[in-house]
């Protein structure tokens, strides 16, 4: 069994995924390097103990790349670029969440407005008003019917 490190040739051979307990004779993942207990010292010069190999790889994961058939740590400049990418992804996620929150708030406001208008029209027609629970249940029932 071996540890598989998948790397991205389009991103300077940056390691993008680590998987343990892989059989290198049957696994044919492209752009991957396999590390066994017999060859780990040759392929990962910065790790000296096989038992700690997976733990150390995961610890350094975002900053590893494959170079010349070996797993190496990135330079500080490369690490800074990775950190910038990670921060950009975090910022984009926060912005997307803010947009979702705004949409959710807008939809709630619209539902309340519709609820109040329906009750105003029902009152004018001499009918009883819906409770919020009845309105929500009617909405859920209609939601289920939408294909």
Protein backbone atom coordinates (compact mmCIF):
# COMPACT_ATOMS: atom_id res chain seq x y z
CA UNK A 1 0.00 0.00 0.00
CA UNK A 2 1.07 3.54 -0.59
CA UNK A 3 0.18 7.18 -0.19
CA UNK A 4 -0.96 8.86 -3.40
CA UNK A 5 -0.31 12.54 -4.00
CA UNK A 6 -2.27 13.95 -6.92
CA UNK A 7 -0.77 17.08 -8.38
CA UNK A 8 -1.93 19.70 -10.87
CA UNK A 9 0.35 20.12 -13.86
CA UNK A 10 -1.42 23.39 -14.70
CA UNK A 11 -0.48 24.89 -11.33
CA UNK A 12 3.27 24.26 -11.15
CA UNK A 13 2.74 20.62 -10.07
CA UNK A 14 1.08 21.71 -6.83
CA UNK A 15 -0.17 18.79 -4.72
CA UNK A 16 -3.97 19.01 -4.67
CA UNK A 17 -5.01 15.78 -2.97
CA UNK A 18 -3.52 13.21 -0.60
CA UNK A 19 -4.96 9.71 -0.26
CA UNK A 20 -3.76 6.95 2.04
CA UNK A 21 -3.88 3.17 1.56
CA UNK A 22 -3.74 3.14 -2.22
CA UNK A 23 -2.52 0.15 -4.20
CA UNK A 24 -0.12 1.64 -6.78
CA UNK A 25 -0.35 -1.49 -8.95
CA UNK A 26 -4.08 -1.04 -9.56
CA UNK A 27 -4.55 2.72 -9.12
CA UNK A 28 -3.95 4.56 -12.37
CA UNK A 29 -4.63 8.15 -11.38
CA UNK A 30 -2.94 10.50 -13.86
CA UNK A 31 -0.51 13.14 -12.55
CA UNK A 32 0.09 11.34 -9.28
CA UNK A 33 3.11 10.22 -7.32
CA UNK A 34 2.98 7.14 -5.10
CA UNK A 35 5.00 6.88 -1.91
CA UNK A 36 5.62 3.57 -0.19
CA UNK A 37 7.45 2.79 3.03
CA UNK A 38 10.40 1.60 0.90
CA UNK A 39 10.87 4.73 -1.18
CA UNK A 40 9.58 7.58 0.99
CA UNK A 41 13.07 8.85 1.93
CA UNK A 42 13.95 9.16 -1.73
CA UNK A 43 10.69 10.84 -2.75
CA UNK A 44 10.18 13.02 0.34
CA UNK A 45 13.55 14.26 1.54
CA UNK A 46 12.13 16.37 4.39
CA UNK A 47 10.50 13.42 6.19
CA UNK A 48 12.66 10.86 8.00
CA UNK A 49 10.07 8.61 9.67
CA UNK A 50 7.56 6.52 7.66
CA UNK A 51 5.09 6.37 10.58
CA UNK A 52 4.87 10.18 10.56
CA UNK A 53 4.83 10.42 6.78
CA UNK A 54 1.08 10.87 6.23
CA UNK A 55 0.74 13.19 9.22
CA UNK A 56 3.61 15.41 8.01
CA UNK A 57 2.29 15.46 4.46
CA UNK A 58 -1.14 16.57 5.64
CA UNK A 59 0.45 19.17 7.91
CA UNK A 60 2.37 20.71 5.01
CA UNK A 61 -0.32 19.86 2.41
CA UNK A 62 -1.15 23.20 0.86
CA UNK A 63 2.54 23.97 0.37
CA UNK A 64 3.76 20.83 -1.40
CA UNK A 65 4.60 20.29 -5.04
CA UNK A 66 6.17 17.59 -7.16
CA UNK A 67 9.52 18.38 -8.71
CA UNK A 68 11.79 15.89 -10.43
CA UNK A 69 9.82 12.94 -9.09
CA UNK A 70 10.16 14.18 -5.52
CA UNK A 71 7.76 15.92 -3.18
CA UNK A 72 9.18 19.28 -2.09
CA UNK A 73 8.00 22.22 -0.05
CA UNK A 74 7.28 25.40 -1.96
CA UNK A 75 9.39 28.50 -1.67
CA UNK A 76 8.07 31.34 0.48
CA UNK A 77 6.99 33.22 -2.65
CA UNK A 78 4.99 30.20 -3.80
CA UNK A 79 3.50 29.77 -0.31
CA UNK A 80 2.44 33.44 -0.34
CA UNK A 81 0.74 32.90 -3.71
CA UNK A 82 -1.13 29.87 -2.30
CA UNK A 83 -2.18 31.91 0.74
CA UNK A 84 -3.45 34.67 -1.56
CA UNK A 85 -5.50 32.12 -3.52
CA UNK A 86 -6.93 30.66 -0.33
CA UNK A 87 -7.82 34.13 0.98
CA UNK A 88 -9.43 35.05 -2.36
CA UNK A 89 -11.56 31.89 -2.17
CA UNK A 90 -12.56 32.70 1.41
CA UNK A 91 -13.48 36.27 0.42
CA UNK A 92 -15.51 35.03 -2.58
CA UNK A 93 -17.34 32.58 -0.32
CA UNK A 94 -18.14 35.35 2.17
CA UNK A 95 -19.45 37.58 -0.64
CA UNK A 96 -21.58 34.76 -2.01
CA UNK A 97 -22.97 34.09 1.47
CA UNK A 98 -23.79 37.78 1.90
CA UNK A 99 -25.65 37.70 -1.44
CA UNK A 100 -27.57 34.61 -0.32
CA UNK A 101 -28.42 36.30 2.99
CA UNK A 102 -29.70 39.40 1.16
CA UNK A 103 -31.81 37.26 -1.15
CA UNK A 104 -33.20 35.30 1.80
CA UNK A 105 -34.08 38.53 3.61
CA UNK A 106 -35.74 39.90 0.47
CA UNK A 107 -37.78 36.74 -0.03
CA UNK A 108 -38.93 36.82 3.60
CA UNK A 109 -39.98 40.45 3.22
CA UNK A 110 -41.87 39.57 0.03
CA UNK A 111 -43.62 36.65 1.74
CA UNK A 112 -44.70 38.89 4.65
CA UNK A 113 -45.95 41.55 2.25
CA UNK A 114 -47.95 38.96 0.27
CA UNK A 115 -49.28 37.47 3.50
CA UNK A 116 -50.51 40.86 4.71
CA UNK A 117 -52.03 41.72 1.33
CA UNK A 118 -53.86 38.38 1.11
CA UNK A 119 -55.29 38.92 4.60
CA UNK A 120 -56.32 42.50 3.71
CA UNK A 121 -58.14 41.25 0.61
CA UNK A 122 -59.72 38.36 2.54
CA UNK A 123 -60.93 40.77 5.24
CA UNK A 124 -62.41 43.09 2.58
CA UNK A 125 -64.20 40.06 1.07
CA UNK A 126 -65.62 39.11 4.46
CA UNK A 127 -63.47 36.01 4.84
CA UNK A 128 -61.38 34.97 7.83
CA UNK A 129 -57.68 35.85 7.87
CA UNK A 130 -54.97 33.26 7.47
CA UNK A 131 -52.58 32.70 10.34
CA UNK A 132 -48.88 32.76 9.55
CA UNK A 133 -48.74 28.98 10.20
CA UNK A 134 -51.53 28.37 7.67
CA UNK A 135 -49.80 30.58 5.12
CA UNK A 136 -46.48 28.75 5.59
CA UNK A 137 -48.18 25.35 5.25
CA UNK A 138 -49.98 26.44 2.08
CA UNK A 139 -46.66 27.65 0.69
CA UNK A 140 -44.95 24.34 1.55
CA UNK A 141 -47.75 22.42 -0.15
CA UNK A 142 -47.40 24.49 -3.32
CA UNK A 143 -43.61 24.15 -3.19
CA UNK A 144 -43.98 20.35 -3.31
CA UNK A 145 -46.17 20.62 -6.41
CA UNK A 146 -43.60 22.58 -8.41
CA UNK A 147 -41.79 20.28 -10.81
